[in-house]
Amino acid sequence: MNTGKRSFMSMALEEAEAAAARGEVPVGAVLVRNEEVLARDGNRTLELNDPTAHAEILVIRKACALLSSQRLTGCDLYVTLEPCSMCAGAISFARIRRLYYGAGDEKGGAVEHGTRFFSQATCHHQPEIYAGIGESASAEILKTFFSSKR
């Protein structure tokens, strides 16, 4: 893994930590084009009273607004947790080039687990997928967050 990928995932981890500090499930995302950060955020479902306010959706919305486009071709997404079906659908429709994610999600993930969204014949676009980037740090943030809730 080169320094850029580590740095972008580090930013996503910072967003996950900020989400945890807000009482949100600690997931962070960073959307990049040509090594430039277009958007970064963490989950805000509780804050916004919006079940779609996952980190991935928030950064996709911000980047689309910034670029005045519904397509994010040539963009890469770094996220700390395997995306769910909703987020995988948004990633596909936005035509994101590469997806890098940290921890797998056996319960809610839809990339390597569950529906395996990008493997479906009905999937319009499949990004290049790189799993396990910052996996242990991503998993530890989640583990710490949920153990504090019990």
Protein backbone atom coordinates (compact mmCIF):
# COMPACT_ATOMS: atom_id res chain seq x y z
CA MET A 1 0.00 0.00 0.00
CA ASN A 2 1.48 3.35 -0.97
CA THR A 3 1.59 6.40 1.29
CA GLY A 4 -1.39 8.04 -0.43
CA LYS A 5 -3.74 5.16 0.24
CA ARG A 6 -2.61 4.95 3.85
CA SER A 7 -3.10 8.70 4.23
CA PHE A 8 -6.61 8.67 2.73
CA MET A 9 -7.63 5.75 4.94
CA SER A 10 -6.14 7.61 7.91
CA MET A 11 -8.46 10.51 7.07
CA ALA A 12 -11.40 8.10 6.91
CA LEU A 13 -10.40 6.73 10.32
CA GLU A 14 -10.34 10.31 11.68
CA GLU A 15 -13.89 10.76 10.37
CA ALA A 16 -14.92 7.50 12.04
CA GLU A 17 -13.49 8.72 15.35
CA ALA A 18 -15.38 12.01 14.97
CA ALA A 19 -18.58 10.07 14.27
CA ALA A 20 -18.04 8.03 17.43
CA ALA A 21 -17.53 11.24 19.42
CA ARG A 22 -20.96 12.39 18.13
CA GLY A 23 -22.49 9.08 19.27
CA GLU A 24 -22.81 7.79 15.72
CA VAL A 25 -21.71 4.35 14.53
CA PRO A 26 -18.04 5.07 13.78
CA VAL A 27 -17.75 4.82 10.02
CA GLY A 28 -15.77 7.36 8.02
CA ALA A 29 -15.32 7.94 4.31
CA VAL A 30 -13.11 9.99 2.01
CA LEU A 31 -13.71 10.53 -1.69
CA VAL A 32 -10.66 11.34 -3.82
CA ARG A 33 -9.95 12.29 -7.43
CA ASN A 34 -6.41 12.66 -8.76
CA GLU A 35 -4.99 12.45 -5.21
CA GLU A 36 -7.21 15.41 -4.18
CA VAL A 37 -9.78 15.00 -1.41
CA LEU A 38 -13.18 16.05 -2.73
CA ALA A 39 -15.18 15.15 0.38
CA ARG A 40 -14.79 13.51 3.76
CA ASP A 41 -17.34 12.74 6.45
CA GLY A 42 -18.57 10.22 8.96
CA ASN A 43 -21.95 8.71 9.72
CA ARG A 44 -24.61 11.28 10.68
CA THR A 45 -27.81 9.23 10.79
CA LEU A 46 -28.69 10.28 14.35
CA GLU A 47 -27.63 13.91 13.96
CA LEU A 48 -29.63 14.39 10.75
CA ASN A 49 -32.48 12.00 11.63
CA ASP A 50 -31.80 10.41 8.27
CA PRO A 51 -31.28 6.66 7.83
CA THR A 52 -29.50 7.35 4.52
CA ALA A 53 -26.85 9.61 6.12
CA HIS A 54 -24.13 6.96 5.97
CA ALA A 55 -20.59 8.27 5.50
CA GLU A 56 -20.42 6.95 1.92
CA ILE A 57 -23.69 8.61 0.89
CA LEU A 58 -22.66 11.92 2.46
CA VAL A 59 -19.32 12.08 0.63
CA ILE A 60 -20.91 11.01 -2.66
CA ARG A 61 -23.50 13.80 -2.32
CA LYS A 62 -20.83 16.39 -1.48
CA ALA A 63 -18.54 15.36 -4.34
CA CYS A 64 -21.40 15.31 -6.87
CA ALA A 65 -22.41 18.81 -5.77
CA LEU A 66 -18.80 20.01 -5.96
CA LEU A 67 -18.33 18.59 -9.46
CA SER A 68 -21.88 19.41 -10.63
CA SER A 69 -22.24 15.85 -11.83
CA GLN A 70 -24.10 12.69 -10.86
CA ARG A 71 -21.12 10.64 -12.01
CA LEU A 72 -17.86 10.33 -10.12
CA THR A 73 -15.83 8.53 -12.76
CA GLY A 74 -12.14 8.59 -11.97
CA CYS A 75 -12.87 8.94 -8.24
CA ASP A 76 -11.84 6.59 -5.46
CA LEU A 77 -13.70 5.98 -2.20
CA TYR A 78 -12.00 5.07 1.07
CA VAL A 79 -14.33 3.83 3.81
CA THR A 80 -13.60 2.21 7.15
CA LEU A 81 -16.32 -0.46 6.94
CA GLU A 82 -17.58 -2.68 4.14
CA PRO A 83 -20.47 -0.80 2.49
CA CYS A 84 -24.07 -1.92 2.96
CA SER A 85 -26.46 -2.56 0.06
CA MET A 86 -27.68 1.05 -0.02
CA CYS A 87 -24.15 2.43 -0.16
CA ALA A 88 -23.00 -0.18 -2.69
CA GLY A 89 -25.90 0.88 -4.93
CA ALA A 90 -24.88 4.53 -4.65
CA ILE A 91 -21.25 3.63 -5.39
CA SER A 92 -22.36 1.78 -8.51
CA PHE A 93 -24.70 4.51 -9.75
CA ALA A 94 -22.03 7.17 -9.13
CA ARG A 95 -19.59 5.09 -11.22
CA ILE A 96 -16.85 5.30 -8.59
CA ARG A 97 -13.63 3.85 -9.99
CA ARG A 98 -12.13 2.18 -6.91
CA LEU A 99 -13.44 1.20 -3.51
CA TYR A 100 -11.00 0.75 -0.63
CA TYR A 101 -12.46 -0.40 2.66
CA GLY A 102 -11.17 -1.45 6.06
CA ALA A 103 -13.17 -3.93 8.11
CA GLY A 104 -15.52 -6.47 6.62
CA ASP A 105 -19.11 -6.49 7.88
CA GLU A 106 -20.58 -9.98 8.13
CA LYS A 107 -23.94 -8.67 9.30
CA GLY A 108 -24.58 -5.63 7.11
CA GLY A 109 -21.92 -5.64 4.41
CA ALA A 110 -22.87 -6.09 0.77
CA VAL A 111 -19.51 -6.35 -1.00
CA GLU A 112 -17.95 -9.60 0.25
CA HIS A 113 -20.85 -10.51 2.54
CA GLY A 114 -24.63 -10.53 2.26
CA THR A 115 -25.96 -9.62 -1.18
CA ARG A 116 -22.52 -9.19 -2.76
CA PHE A 117 -24.04 -6.29 -4.66
CA PHE A 118 -21.30 -5.84 -7.25
CA SER A 119 -21.49 -9.51 -8.28
CA GLN A 120 -25.16 -9.28 -9.28
CA ALA A 121 -26.11 -9.36 -12.97
CA THR A 122 -28.27 -6.28 -12.38
CA CYS A 123 -25.31 -4.20 -11.14
CA HIS A 124 -24.64 -1.38 -13.61
CA HIS A 125 -21.04 -0.67 -12.60
CA GLN A 126 -18.53 -2.51 -10.44
CA PRO A 127 -15.61 -0.55 -8.99
CA GLU A 128 -12.22 -2.10 -8.45
CA ILE A 129 -12.41 -3.37 -4.86
CA TYR A 130 -9.59 -3.42 -2.32
CA ALA A 131 -10.58 -4.81 1.08
CA GLY A 132 -8.64 -4.83 4.33
CA ILE A 133 -7.01 -1.40 4.01
CA GLY A 134 -6.59 -0.27 7.62
CA GLU A 135 -8.66 -3.26 8.68
CA SER A 136 -7.39 -3.65 12.25
CA ALA A 137 -7.74 0.06 13.08
CA SER A 138 -11.22 0.15 11.53
CA ALA A 139 -12.33 -2.94 13.44
CA GLU A 140 -10.89 -1.62 16.71
CA ILE A 141 -12.84 1.67 16.47
CA LEU A 142 -16.05 -0.29 15.98
CA LYS A 143 -15.26 -2.78 18.74
CA THR A 144 -14.48 0.01 21.22
CA PHE A 145 -17.62 1.93 20.29
CA PHE A 146 -19.99 -1.02 20.67
CA SER A 147 -18.36 -2.32 23.86
CA SER A 148 -18.94 1.10 25.42
CA LYS A 149 -22.65 0.81 24.55
CA ARG A 150 -23.07 -2.48 26.41
